Amino acid sequence: MRVRQELMNAVERTLEKTSYRSLSEFVSDAIQIRLGELKRQPVDQSVEYPLIHERLLCSNHHIWTMVTPEGNIRIGLSDYAQRRLKGITSLSTEPVGHNVKRDEPFGFVETWMFKFDLYSPASGRIVKINNTVVAEPSKINEDPYEAGWIAEIKPESVVVLEEELRDLMSPNKYKVWAMKLDHFAQPKTPRL
């Protein structure tokens, strides 16, 4: 509580010294500055996981999928997404036993600035939650494919699973697709 009050006092002092007309204008400007900083960060600083990548499939919701030896679907946030969600502070998922449907949210991750829904890449029942990541969500930023996995889903059936997996992308196809997203997100510079 004391930290919150100190922060509010610092903001009020800043407002008095600047030309901001309100707290919301100040906060809006601070958010825009931070977004600009995030956009200027190098885009492709990914760590390579060659053995894992051979077994991965990715959704257009930035979720990776890997079939485990038990036949479950292990899922997590892609390296591309975790780099854009720097500083993940919390993770929330549906509980073990909950039935999920493909392309429907089963949880979310939060940063100090964003809340990002997690969409299931397959239909089935949640059978495991990575409690380490629930306790330390920053593990997703540190190691999204190994220690940072989020949940495991037992598929409804092998037939349904094969059908759903066909719609997912290989890591290389996903990387090309994500680079196109970056291209369209970049502001266009006018030609002179």
N, C-alpha and C. Protein backbone atom coordinates (compact mmCIF):
# COMPACT_ATOMS: atom_id res chain seq x y z
N MET A 1 0.83 -1.19 0.00
CA MET A 1 0.00 0.00 0.00
C MET A 1 0.87 1.25 0.00
N ARG A 2 1.97 1.22 0.76
CA ARG A 2 2.86 2.37 0.83
C ARG A 2 3.48 2.64 -0.54
N VAL A 3 3.87 1.58 -1.25
CA VAL A 3 4.48 1.74 -2.57
C VAL A 3 3.49 2.39 -3.53
N ARG A 4 2.22 1.97 -3.45
CA ARG A 4 1.19 2.54 -4.31
C ARG A 4 1.05 4.05 -4.05
N GLN A 5 1.03 4.43 -2.78
CA GLN A 5 0.90 5.84 -2.43
C GLN A 5 2.11 6.64 -2.91
N GLU A 6 3.31 6.06 -2.74
CA GLU A 6 4.52 6.73 -3.21
C GLU A 6 4.49 6.92 -4.72
N LEU A 7 3.99 5.91 -5.42
CA LEU A 7 3.87 6.01 -6.87
C LEU A 7 2.89 7.10 -7.27
N MET A 8 1.75 7.15 -6.59
CA MET A 8 0.76 8.19 -6.88
C MET A 8 1.33 9.58 -6.60
N ASN A 9 2.08 9.73 -5.51
CA ASN A 9 2.70 11.02 -5.19
C ASN A 9 3.69 11.42 -6.28
N ALA A 10 4.49 10.45 -6.76
CA ALA A 10 5.46 10.74 -7.82
C ALA A 10 4.74 11.15 -9.10
N VAL A 11 3.64 10.48 -9.43
CA VAL A 11 2.87 10.84 -10.62
C VAL A 11 2.29 12.25 -10.48
N GLU A 12 1.76 12.57 -9.31
CA GLU A 12 1.19 13.91 -9.10
C GLU A 12 2.26 14.99 -9.23
N ARG A 13 3.47 14.73 -8.71
CA ARG A 13 4.56 15.71 -8.86
C ARG A 13 4.92 15.89 -10.34
N THR A 14 4.95 14.78 -11.07
CA THR A 14 5.25 14.85 -12.51
C THR A 14 4.17 15.64 -13.23
N LEU A 15 2.91 15.41 -12.88
CA LEU A 15 1.81 16.14 -13.51
C LEU A 15 1.91 17.65 -13.26
N GLU A 16 2.35 18.01 -12.06
CA GLU A 16 2.48 19.43 -11.73
C GLU A 16 3.58 20.10 -12.54
N LYS A 17 4.64 19.36 -12.86
CA LYS A 17 5.80 19.92 -13.57
C LYS A 17 5.65 19.90 -15.07
N THR A 18 4.68 19.16 -15.60
CA THR A 18 4.55 19.02 -17.05
C THR A 18 3.25 19.63 -17.53
N SER A 19 3.01 19.50 -18.82
CA SER A 19 1.81 20.10 -19.41
C SER A 19 0.65 19.11 -19.53
N TYR A 20 0.73 17.98 -18.84
CA TYR A 20 -0.39 17.03 -18.88
C TYR A 20 -1.59 17.63 -18.17
N ARG A 21 -2.76 17.45 -18.77
CA ARG A 21 -3.98 18.01 -18.19
C ARG A 21 -4.65 17.06 -17.21
N SER A 22 -4.32 15.75 -17.32
CA SER A 22 -4.97 14.78 -16.43
C SER A 22 -4.08 13.56 -16.26
N LEU A 23 -4.43 12.77 -15.27
CA LEU A 23 -3.70 11.53 -15.02
C LEU A 23 -3.86 10.58 -16.19
N SER A 24 -5.06 10.51 -16.77
CA SER A 24 -5.28 9.59 -17.89
C SER A 24 -4.44 9.98 -19.10
N GLU A 25 -4.25 11.27 -19.34
CA GLU A 25 -3.40 11.71 -20.44
C GLU A 25 -1.95 11.30 -20.20
N PHE A 26 -1.50 11.44 -18.94
CA PHE A 26 -0.14 11.02 -18.57
C PHE A 26 0.03 9.51 -18.77
N VAL A 27 -0.93 8.71 -18.28
CA VAL A 27 -0.85 7.26 -18.40
C VAL A 27 -0.88 6.83 -19.86
N SER A 28 -1.74 7.45 -20.64
CA SER A 28 -1.83 7.15 -22.07
C SER A 28 -0.50 7.42 -22.77
N ASP A 29 0.13 8.54 -22.45
CA ASP A 29 1.42 8.87 -23.03
C ASP A 29 2.50 7.87 -22.60
N ALA A 30 2.47 7.48 -21.33
CA ALA A 30 3.45 6.51 -20.82
C ALA A 30 3.29 5.17 -21.54
N ILE A 31 2.06 4.76 -21.77
CA ILE A 31 1.81 3.50 -22.49
C ILE A 31 2.32 3.60 -23.92
N GLN A 32 2.07 4.71 -24.59
CA GLN A 32 2.53 4.88 -25.97
C GLN A 32 4.06 4.86 -26.05
N ILE A 33 4.70 5.46 -25.07
CA ILE A 33 6.18 5.44 -25.04
C ILE A 33 6.68 4.02 -24.87
N ARG A 34 6.05 3.26 -23.95
CA ARG A 34 6.48 1.87 -23.72
C ARG A 34 6.23 1.01 -24.95
N LEU A 35 5.10 1.19 -25.61
CA LEU A 35 4.82 0.44 -26.84
C LEU A 35 5.87 0.74 -27.91
N GLY A 36 6.26 2.01 -28.01
CA GLY A 36 7.31 2.38 -28.96
C GLY A 36 8.63 1.69 -28.64
N GLU A 37 8.96 1.61 -27.34
CA GLU A 37 10.18 0.91 -26.93
C GLU A 37 10.11 -0.56 -27.31
N LEU A 38 8.97 -1.18 -27.08
CA LEU A 38 8.81 -2.60 -27.40
C LEU A 38 8.93 -2.84 -28.90
N LYS A 39 8.39 -1.94 -29.71
CA LYS A 39 8.47 -2.10 -31.16
C LYS A 39 9.89 -1.98 -31.67
N ARG A 40 10.72 -1.19 -30.98
CA ARG A 40 12.10 -0.99 -31.43
C ARG A 40 13.03 -2.13 -31.02
N GLN A 41 12.56 -3.04 -30.15
CA GLN A 41 13.42 -4.14 -29.72
C GLN A 41 13.64 -5.08 -30.89
N PRO A 42 14.82 -5.68 -30.98
CA PRO A 42 15.09 -6.62 -32.07
C PRO A 42 14.05 -7.73 -32.08
N VAL A 43 13.58 -8.07 -33.27
CA VAL A 43 12.50 -9.02 -33.40
C VAL A 43 12.95 -10.46 -33.28
N ASP A 44 14.04 -10.84 -33.95
CA ASP A 44 14.36 -12.25 -33.99
C ASP A 44 15.59 -12.57 -33.15
N GLN A 45 15.36 -12.75 -31.86
CA GLN A 45 16.42 -13.17 -30.96
C GLN A 45 16.05 -14.53 -30.38
N SER A 46 15.42 -15.36 -31.20
CA SER A 46 14.92 -16.63 -30.69
C SER A 46 16.04 -17.61 -30.43
N VAL A 47 15.81 -18.43 -29.44
CA VAL A 47 16.72 -19.52 -29.13
C VAL A 47 16.28 -20.69 -30.00
N GLU A 48 17.22 -21.40 -30.54
CA GLU A 48 16.87 -22.54 -31.38
C GLU A 48 16.69 -23.78 -30.53
N TYR A 49 15.67 -24.54 -30.82
CA TYR A 49 15.36 -25.80 -30.15
C TYR A 49 15.19 -26.86 -31.25
N PRO A 50 16.27 -27.27 -31.93
CA PRO A 50 16.12 -28.12 -33.11
C PRO A 50 15.40 -29.44 -32.85
N LEU A 51 15.70 -30.13 -31.75
CA LEU A 51 15.04 -31.41 -31.49
C LEU A 51 13.58 -31.23 -31.15
N ILE A 52 13.27 -30.18 -30.43
CA ILE A 52 11.88 -29.91 -30.07
C ILE A 52 11.10 -29.47 -31.30
N HIS A 53 11.68 -28.62 -32.12
CA HIS A 53 10.97 -28.09 -33.29
C HIS A 53 10.52 -29.18 -34.24
N GLU A 54 11.23 -30.30 -34.28
CA GLU A 54 10.83 -31.39 -35.17
C GLU A 54 9.48 -31.97 -34.75
N ARG A 55 9.12 -31.81 -33.48
CA ARG A 55 7.89 -32.41 -32.95
C ARG A 55 6.78 -31.38 -32.73
N LEU A 56 7.01 -30.12 -33.03
CA LEU A 56 6.04 -29.06 -32.74
C LEU A 56 5.11 -28.77 -33.91
N LEU A 57 3.94 -28.30 -33.55
CA LEU A 57 3.01 -27.68 -34.48
C LEU A 57 2.53 -26.40 -33.80
N CYS A 58 2.20 -25.40 -34.58
CA CYS A 58 1.81 -24.10 -34.01
C CYS A 58 0.47 -23.64 -34.55
N SER A 59 -0.29 -22.96 -33.70
CA SER A 59 -1.58 -22.42 -34.11
C SER A 59 -1.45 -20.94 -34.46
N ASN A 60 -2.47 -20.42 -35.11
CA ASN A 60 -2.46 -18.99 -35.41
C ASN A 60 -2.79 -18.14 -34.18
N HIS A 61 -2.97 -18.80 -33.03
CA HIS A 61 -3.14 -18.10 -31.76
C HIS A 61 -1.83 -18.09 -30.97
N HIS A 62 -0.73 -18.45 -31.63
CA HIS A 62 0.62 -18.43 -31.05
C HIS A 62 0.80 -19.46 -29.93
N ILE A 63 0.14 -20.59 -30.07
CA ILE A 63 0.27 -21.70 -29.13
C ILE A 63 0.99 -22.83 -29.85
N TRP A 64 2.03 -23.39 -29.20
CA TRP A 64 2.68 -24.56 -29.77
C TRP A 64 2.04 -25.81 -29.19
N THR A 65 2.13 -26.88 -29.95
CA THR A 65 1.53 -28.15 -29.59
C THR A 65 2.54 -29.26 -29.85
N MET A 66 2.60 -30.23 -28.94
CA MET A 66 3.48 -31.38 -29.13
C MET A 66 2.77 -32.60 -28.54
N VAL A 67 2.75 -33.70 -29.30
CA VAL A 67 2.15 -34.93 -28.81
C VAL A 67 3.17 -35.60 -27.89
N THR A 68 2.73 -35.94 -26.67
CA THR A 68 3.61 -36.59 -25.70
C THR A 68 3.61 -38.11 -25.94
N PRO A 69 4.58 -38.83 -25.36
CA PRO A 69 4.59 -40.29 -25.51
C PRO A 69 3.30 -40.96 -24.99
N GLU A 70 2.61 -40.31 -24.04
CA GLU A 70 1.36 -40.85 -23.50
C GLU A 70 0.17 -40.60 -24.42
N GLY A 71 0.38 -39.81 -25.47
CA GLY A 71 -0.71 -39.48 -26.39
C GLY A 71 -1.45 -38.22 -26.03
N ASN A 72 -0.98 -37.50 -25.02
CA ASN A 72 -1.58 -36.21 -24.66
C ASN A 72 -1.00 -35.12 -25.56
N ILE A 73 -1.61 -33.96 -25.49
CA ILE A 73 -1.14 -32.80 -26.24
C ILE A 73 -0.56 -31.83 -25.23
N ARG A 74 0.74 -31.61 -25.27
CA ARG A 74 1.38 -30.62 -24.41
C ARG A 74 1.36 -29.30 -25.16
N ILE A 75 0.99 -28.23 -24.48
CA ILE A 75 0.87 -26.93 -25.15
C ILE A 75 1.56 -25.83 -24.35
N GLY A 76 1.93 -24.79 -25.08
CA GLY A 76 2.57 -23.64 -24.45
C GLY A 76 2.52 -22.45 -25.39
N LEU A 77 3.04 -21.36 -24.93
CA LEU A 77 3.09 -20.12 -25.69
C LEU A 77 4.33 -20.13 -26.58
N SER A 78 4.18 -19.77 -27.84
CA SER A 78 5.31 -19.81 -28.76
C SER A 78 6.40 -18.81 -28.37
N ASP A 79 7.60 -19.07 -28.82
CA ASP A 79 8.71 -18.16 -28.58
C ASP A 79 8.41 -16.78 -29.15
N TYR A 80 7.80 -16.75 -30.33
CA TYR A 80 7.40 -15.49 -30.96
C TYR A 80 6.51 -14.68 -30.02
N ALA A 81 5.50 -15.33 -29.45
CA ALA A 81 4.55 -14.63 -28.57
C ALA A 81 5.20 -14.22 -27.25
N GLN A 82 5.98 -15.11 -26.64
CA GLN A 82 6.57 -14.76 -25.34
C GLN A 82 7.53 -13.59 -25.46
N ARG A 83 8.21 -13.45 -26.62
CA ARG A 83 9.11 -12.31 -26.79
C ARG A 83 8.34 -11.01 -26.88
N ARG A 84 7.13 -11.05 -27.37
CA ARG A 84 6.31 -9.85 -27.46
C ARG A 84 5.56 -9.58 -26.16
N LEU A 85 5.47 -10.57 -25.32
CA LEU A 85 4.84 -10.43 -24.01
C LEU A 85 5.91 -10.46 -22.92
N LYS A 86 6.92 -9.64 -23.08
CA LYS A 86 8.02 -9.58 -22.10
C LYS A 86 7.46 -9.36 -20.71
N GLY A 87 8.04 -10.03 -19.75
CA GLY A 87 7.66 -9.80 -18.35
C GLY A 87 6.32 -10.39 -17.99
N ILE A 88 6.07 -11.64 -18.36
CA ILE A 88 4.81 -12.29 -17.98
C ILE A 88 4.76 -12.37 -16.45
N THR A 89 3.68 -11.83 -15.88
CA THR A 89 3.56 -11.75 -14.43
C THR A 89 2.57 -12.73 -13.82
N SER A 90 1.61 -13.19 -14.63
CA SER A 90 0.67 -14.17 -14.10
C SER A 90 0.12 -15.05 -15.20
N LEU A 91 -0.33 -16.22 -14.77
CA LEU A 91 -0.90 -17.22 -15.67
C LEU A 91 -2.11 -17.80 -14.98
N SER A 92 -3.19 -17.95 -15.72
CA SER A 92 -4.39 -18.56 -15.18
C SER A 92 -4.94 -19.51 -16.23
N THR A 93 -5.29 -20.72 -15.80
CA THR A 93 -5.87 -21.70 -16.71
C THR A 93 -7.10 -22.32 -16.07
N GLU A 94 -7.87 -22.98 -16.91
CA GLU A 94 -8.97 -23.79 -16.40
C GLU A 94 -8.35 -24.93 -15.59
N PRO A 95 -9.07 -25.52 -14.67
CA PRO A 95 -8.49 -26.58 -13.82
C PRO A 95 -8.38 -27.92 -14.54
N VAL A 96 -7.58 -28.81 -13.96
CA VAL A 96 -7.48 -30.19 -14.44
C VAL A 96 -8.89 -30.78 -14.43
N GLY A 97 -9.23 -31.50 -15.49
CA GLY A 97 -10.56 -32.10 -15.62
C GLY A 97 -11.50 -31.29 -16.48
N HIS A 98 -11.14 -30.03 -16.73
CA HIS A 98 -12.00 -29.16 -17.54
C HIS A 98 -11.92 -29.58 -19.02
N ASN A 99 -13.07 -29.64 -19.68
CA ASN A 99 -13.10 -29.94 -21.11
C ASN A 99 -12.88 -28.67 -21.90
N VAL A 100 -12.00 -28.75 -22.91
CA VAL A 100 -11.71 -27.60 -23.76
C VAL A 100 -12.06 -27.94 -25.20
N LYS A 101 -12.36 -26.92 -25.97
CA LYS A 101 -12.64 -27.06 -27.40
C LYS A 101 -11.57 -26.31 -28.18
N ARG A 102 -11.26 -26.81 -29.33
CA ARG A 102 -10.28 -26.17 -30.19
C ARG A 102 -10.71 -24.74 -30.50
N ASP A 103 -9.74 -23.84 -30.49
CA ASP A 103 -9.92 -22.41 -30.78
C ASP A 103 -10.79 -21.69 -29.76
N GLU A 104 -10.93 -22.25 -28.56
CA GLU A 104 -11.63 -21.56 -27.49
C GLU A 104 -10.64 -21.31 -26.34
N PRO A 105 -10.79 -20.19 -25.62
CA PRO A 105 -9.84 -19.88 -24.53
C PRO A 105 -9.91 -20.90 -23.40
N PHE A 106 -8.74 -21.23 -22.86
CA PHE A 106 -8.68 -22.09 -21.68
C PHE A 106 -7.92 -21.40 -20.55
N GLY A 107 -7.48 -20.16 -20.79
CA GLY A 107 -6.76 -19.41 -19.78
C GLY A 107 -6.18 -18.15 -20.38
N PHE A 108 -5.27 -17.51 -19.62
CA PHE A 108 -4.63 -16.29 -20.11
C PHE A 108 -3.31 -16.08 -19.38
N VAL A 109 -2.44 -15.29 -20.02
CA VAL A 109 -1.23 -14.80 -19.37
C VAL A 109 -1.35 -13.28 -19.32
N GLU A 110 -0.70 -12.70 -18.31
CA GLU A 110 -0.72 -11.24 -18.16
C GLU A 110 0.70 -10.72 -18.01
N THR A 111 0.92 -9.54 -18.57
CA THR A 111 2.13 -8.78 -18.32
C THR A 111 1.67 -7.56 -17.54
N TRP A 112 2.59 -6.66 -17.25
CA TRP A 112 2.18 -5.45 -16.53
C TRP A 112 1.25 -4.60 -17.38
N MET A 113 1.17 -4.91 -18.67
CA MET A 113 0.41 -4.05 -19.57
C MET A 113 -0.66 -4.79 -20.38
N PHE A 114 -0.50 -6.08 -20.62
CA PHE A 114 -1.40 -6.81 -21.50
C PHE A 114 -1.96 -8.05 -20.82
N LYS A 115 -3.13 -8.44 -21.30
CA LYS A 115 -3.72 -9.73 -20.95
C LYS A 115 -3.91 -10.46 -22.27
N PHE A 116 -3.33 -11.66 -22.38
CA PHE A 116 -3.31 -12.41 -23.63
C PHE A 116 -4.02 -13.73 -23.41
N ASP A 117 -5.15 -13.94 -24.12
CA ASP A 117 -5.90 -15.18 -23.99
C ASP A 117 -5.14 -16.34 -24.60
N LEU A 118 -5.25 -17.50 -23.97
CA LEU A 118 -4.65 -18.74 -24.46
C LEU A 118 -5.76 -19.59 -25.08
N TYR A 119 -5.64 -19.90 -26.37
CA TYR A 119 -6.64 -20.67 -27.08
C TYR A 119 -6.15 -22.10 -27.28
N SER A 120 -7.01 -23.04 -27.00
CA SER A 120 -6.64 -24.44 -27.13
C SER A 120 -6.49 -24.82 -28.60
N PRO A 121 -5.40 -25.48 -28.96
CA PRO A 121 -5.22 -25.92 -30.35
C PRO A 121 -5.93 -27.25 -30.63
N ALA A 122 -6.47 -27.90 -29.60
CA ALA A 122 -7.14 -29.19 -29.76
C ALA A 122 -8.25 -29.33 -28.74
N SER A 123 -9.21 -30.18 -29.07
CA SER A 123 -10.31 -30.46 -28.15
C SER A 123 -9.95 -31.63 -27.24
N GLY A 124 -10.41 -31.58 -26.01
CA GLY A 124 -10.15 -32.66 -25.08
C GLY A 124 -10.34 -32.22 -23.65
N ARG A 125 -9.67 -32.92 -22.73
CA ARG A 125 -9.79 -32.64 -21.31
C ARG A 125 -8.41 -32.30 -20.76
N ILE A 126 -8.32 -31.23 -19.98
CA ILE A 126 -7.05 -30.87 -19.35
C ILE A 126 -6.69 -31.94 -18.33
N VAL A 127 -5.50 -32.54 -18.49
CA VAL A 127 -5.07 -33.59 -17.56
C VAL A 127 -3.87 -33.17 -16.71
N LYS A 128 -3.15 -32.12 -17.14
CA LYS A 128 -2.01 -31.62 -16.36
C LYS A 128 -1.91 -30.12 -16.54
N ILE A 129 -1.51 -29.45 -15.47
CA ILE A 129 -1.16 -28.04 -15.50
C ILE A 129 0.27 -27.96 -14.97
N ASN A 130 1.11 -27.18 -15.61
CA ASN A 130 2.48 -27.00 -15.16
C ASN A 130 2.47 -26.05 -13.96
N ASN A 131 2.45 -26.60 -12.76
CA ASN A 131 2.38 -25.79 -11.54
C ASN A 131 3.60 -24.90 -11.35
N THR A 132 4.74 -25.31 -11.89
CA THR A 132 5.95 -24.48 -11.81
C THR A 132 5.71 -23.16 -12.52
N VAL A 133 5.07 -23.22 -13.69
CA VAL A 133 4.81 -22.01 -14.46
C VAL A 133 3.70 -21.18 -13.82
N VAL A 134 2.74 -21.83 -13.19
CA VAL A 134 1.69 -21.08 -12.48
C VAL A 134 2.33 -20.28 -11.35
N ALA A 135 3.27 -20.90 -10.63
CA ALA A 135 3.95 -20.22 -9.52
C ALA A 135 4.96 -19.20 -10.01
N GLU A 136 5.63 -19.50 -11.13
CA GLU A 136 6.65 -18.61 -11.69
C GLU A 136 6.39 -18.40 -13.19
N PRO A 137 5.42 -17.55 -13.55
CA PRO A 137 5.07 -17.36 -14.95
C PRO A 137 6.23 -16.87 -15.82
N SER A 138 7.23 -16.27 -15.22
CA SER A 138 8.38 -15.79 -16.00
C SER A 138 9.14 -16.93 -16.66
N LYS A 139 8.91 -18.18 -16.22
CA LYS A 139 9.53 -19.35 -16.86
C LYS A 139 9.14 -19.42 -18.33
N ILE A 140 7.95 -18.92 -18.66
CA ILE A 140 7.52 -18.91 -20.07
C ILE A 140 8.47 -18.05 -20.88
N ASN A 141 8.86 -16.90 -20.35
CA ASN A 141 9.80 -16.02 -21.05
C ASN A 141 11.19 -16.62 -21.11
N GLU A 142 11.57 -17.37 -20.09
CA GLU A 142 12.91 -17.94 -20.03
C GLU A 142 13.08 -19.16 -20.92
N ASP A 143 12.07 -20.01 -20.98
CA ASP A 143 12.19 -21.29 -21.69
C ASP A 143 10.81 -21.76 -22.13
N PRO A 144 10.26 -21.18 -23.21
CA PRO A 144 8.87 -21.46 -23.58
C PRO A 144 8.59 -22.90 -24.01
N TYR A 145 9.60 -23.63 -24.48
CA TYR A 145 9.34 -24.96 -25.02
C TYR A 145 9.63 -26.11 -24.06
N GLU A 146 10.40 -25.88 -23.05
CA GLU A 146 10.70 -26.98 -22.14
C GLU A 146 10.10 -26.68 -20.77
N ALA A 147 10.77 -25.92 -19.95
CA ALA A 147 10.26 -25.63 -18.60
C ALA A 147 8.99 -24.79 -18.63
N GLY A 148 8.77 -24.03 -19.70
CA GLY A 148 7.64 -23.10 -19.76
C GLY A 148 6.37 -23.64 -20.38
N TRP A 149 6.25 -24.97 -20.55
CA TRP A 149 4.99 -25.49 -21.09
C TRP A 149 3.86 -25.15 -20.11
N ILE A 150 2.64 -25.08 -20.60
CA ILE A 150 1.53 -24.61 -19.77
C ILE A 150 0.60 -25.74 -19.31
N ALA A 151 0.15 -26.57 -20.26
CA ALA A 151 -0.83 -27.61 -19.90
C ALA A 151 -0.72 -28.80 -20.83
N GLU A 152 -1.36 -29.90 -20.40
CA GLU A 152 -1.50 -31.07 -21.26
C GLU A 152 -2.98 -31.40 -21.38
N ILE A 153 -3.37 -31.76 -22.59
CA ILE A 153 -4.77 -32.08 -22.89
C ILE A 153 -4.84 -33.51 -23.39
N LYS A 154 -5.78 -34.28 -22.86
CA LYS A 154 -6.05 -35.62 -23.39
C LYS A 154 -7.08 -35.42 -24.50
N PRO A 155 -6.72 -35.77 -25.74
CA PRO A 155 -7.65 -35.52 -26.85
C PRO A 155 -8.93 -36.34 -26.75
N GLU A 156 -9.99 -35.82 -27.36
CA GLU A 156 -11.28 -36.53 -27.37
C GLU A 156 -11.14 -37.90 -28.02
N SER A 157 -10.47 -37.93 -29.17
CA SER A 157 -10.23 -39.19 -29.88
C SER A 157 -9.07 -38.98 -30.84
N VAL A 158 -8.48 -40.06 -31.27
CA VAL A 158 -7.35 -39.99 -32.20
C VAL A 158 -7.80 -39.40 -33.53
N VAL A 159 -8.99 -39.77 -33.98
CA VAL A 159 -9.50 -39.28 -35.26
C VAL A 159 -9.68 -37.76 -35.21
N VAL A 160 -10.32 -37.27 -34.15
CA VAL A 160 -10.53 -35.83 -34.00
C VAL A 160 -9.18 -35.12 -33.89
N LEU A 161 -8.26 -35.70 -33.13
CA LEU A 161 -6.95 -35.09 -32.95
C LEU A 161 -6.22 -34.95 -34.29
N GLU A 162 -6.19 -36.03 -35.08
CA GLU A 162 -5.52 -35.96 -36.39
C GLU A 162 -6.12 -34.86 -37.26
N GLU A 163 -7.43 -34.74 -37.23
CA GLU A 163 -8.11 -33.70 -38.00
C GLU A 163 -7.69 -32.30 -37.53
N GLU A 164 -7.67 -32.11 -36.22
CA GLU A 164 -7.33 -30.80 -35.67
C GLU A 164 -5.85 -30.46 -35.90
N LEU A 165 -4.98 -31.46 -35.80
CA LEU A 165 -3.55 -31.21 -36.00
C LEU A 165 -3.24 -30.83 -37.45
N ARG A 166 -4.04 -31.30 -38.38
CA ARG A 166 -3.82 -30.96 -39.80
C ARG A 166 -3.91 -29.46 -40.04
N ASP A 167 -4.69 -28.76 -39.24
CA ASP A 167 -4.88 -27.33 -39.43
C ASP A 167 -3.76 -26.49 -38.82
N LEU A 168 -2.84 -27.12 -38.06
CA LEU A 168 -1.76 -26.39 -37.42
C LEU A 168 -0.57 -26.27 -38.37
N MET A 169 0.34 -25.35 -38.05
CA MET A 169 1.50 -25.06 -38.90
C MET A 169 2.76 -25.71 -38.36
N SER A 170 3.65 -26.09 -39.28
CA SER A 170 4.98 -26.52 -38.87
C SER A 170 5.72 -25.30 -38.33
N PRO A 171 6.79 -25.48 -37.55
CA PRO A 171 7.52 -24.32 -37.02
C PRO A 171 8.01 -23.37 -38.13
N ASN A 172 8.48 -23.92 -39.24
CA ASN A 172 8.97 -23.06 -40.33
C ASN A 172 7.83 -22.27 -40.96
N LYS A 173 6.71 -22.93 -41.20
CA LYS A 173 5.55 -22.23 -41.77
C LYS A 173 5.04 -21.16 -40.80
N TYR A 174 5.02 -21.50 -39.51
CA TYR A 174 4.59 -20.54 -38.49
C TYR A 174 5.52 -19.33 -38.46
N LYS A 175 6.82 -19.58 -38.55
CA LYS A 175 7.79 -18.48 -38.51
C LYS A 175 7.57 -17.52 -39.69
N VAL A 176 7.34 -18.06 -40.88
CA VAL A 176 7.06 -17.24 -42.06
C VAL A 176 5.77 -16.46 -41.85
N TRP A 177 4.74 -17.14 -41.33
CA TRP A 177 3.46 -16.50 -41.07
C TRP A 177 3.62 -15.36 -40.06
N ALA A 178 4.37 -15.60 -38.99
CA ALA A 178 4.58 -14.59 -37.95
C ALA A 178 5.38 -13.40 -38.50
N MET A 179 6.34 -13.67 -39.38
CA MET A 179 7.12 -12.57 -39.97
C MET A 179 6.21 -11.68 -40.82
N LYS A 180 5.22 -12.27 -41.47
CA LYS A 180 4.26 -11.48 -42.24
C LYS A 180 3.46 -10.59 -41.30
N LEU A 181 3.10 -11.12 -40.12
CA LEU A 181 2.39 -10.30 -39.14
C LEU A 181 3.23 -9.09 -38.75
N ASP A 182 4.53 -9.33 -38.50
CA ASP A 182 5.44 -8.24 -38.15
C ASP A 182 5.50 -7.21 -39.26
N HIS A 183 5.55 -7.70 -40.50
CA HIS A 183 5.64 -6.80 -41.65
C HIS A 183 4.43 -5.88 -41.71
N PHE A 184 3.22 -6.44 -41.50
CA PHE A 184 2.00 -5.64 -41.57
C PHE A 184 1.85 -4.74 -40.36
N ALA A 185 2.46 -5.10 -39.24
CA ALA A 185 2.35 -4.29 -38.02
C ALA A 185 3.30 -3.09 -38.04
N GLN A 186 4.35 -3.16 -38.85
CA GLN A 186 5.33 -2.07 -38.90
C GLN A 186 4.71 -0.86 -39.59
N PRO A 187 4.90 0.33 -39.05
CA PRO A 187 4.37 1.51 -39.72
C PRO A 187 5.11 1.71 -41.04
N LYS A 188 4.36 2.08 -42.05
CA LYS A 188 4.92 2.30 -43.37
C LYS A 188 5.56 3.68 -43.42
N THR A 189 6.76 3.75 -43.99
CA THR A 189 7.41 5.05 -44.16
C THR A 189 7.04 5.59 -45.51
N PRO A 190 6.69 6.85 -45.59
CA PRO A 190 6.29 7.42 -46.88
C PRO A 190 7.46 7.46 -47.85
N ARG A 191 7.16 7.19 -49.09
CA ARG A 191 8.20 7.29 -50.10
C ARG A 191 8.38 8.73 -50.51
N LEU A 192 9.62 9.11 -50.68
CA LEU A 192 9.92 10.50 -51.08
C LEU A 192 10.18 10.58 -52.56
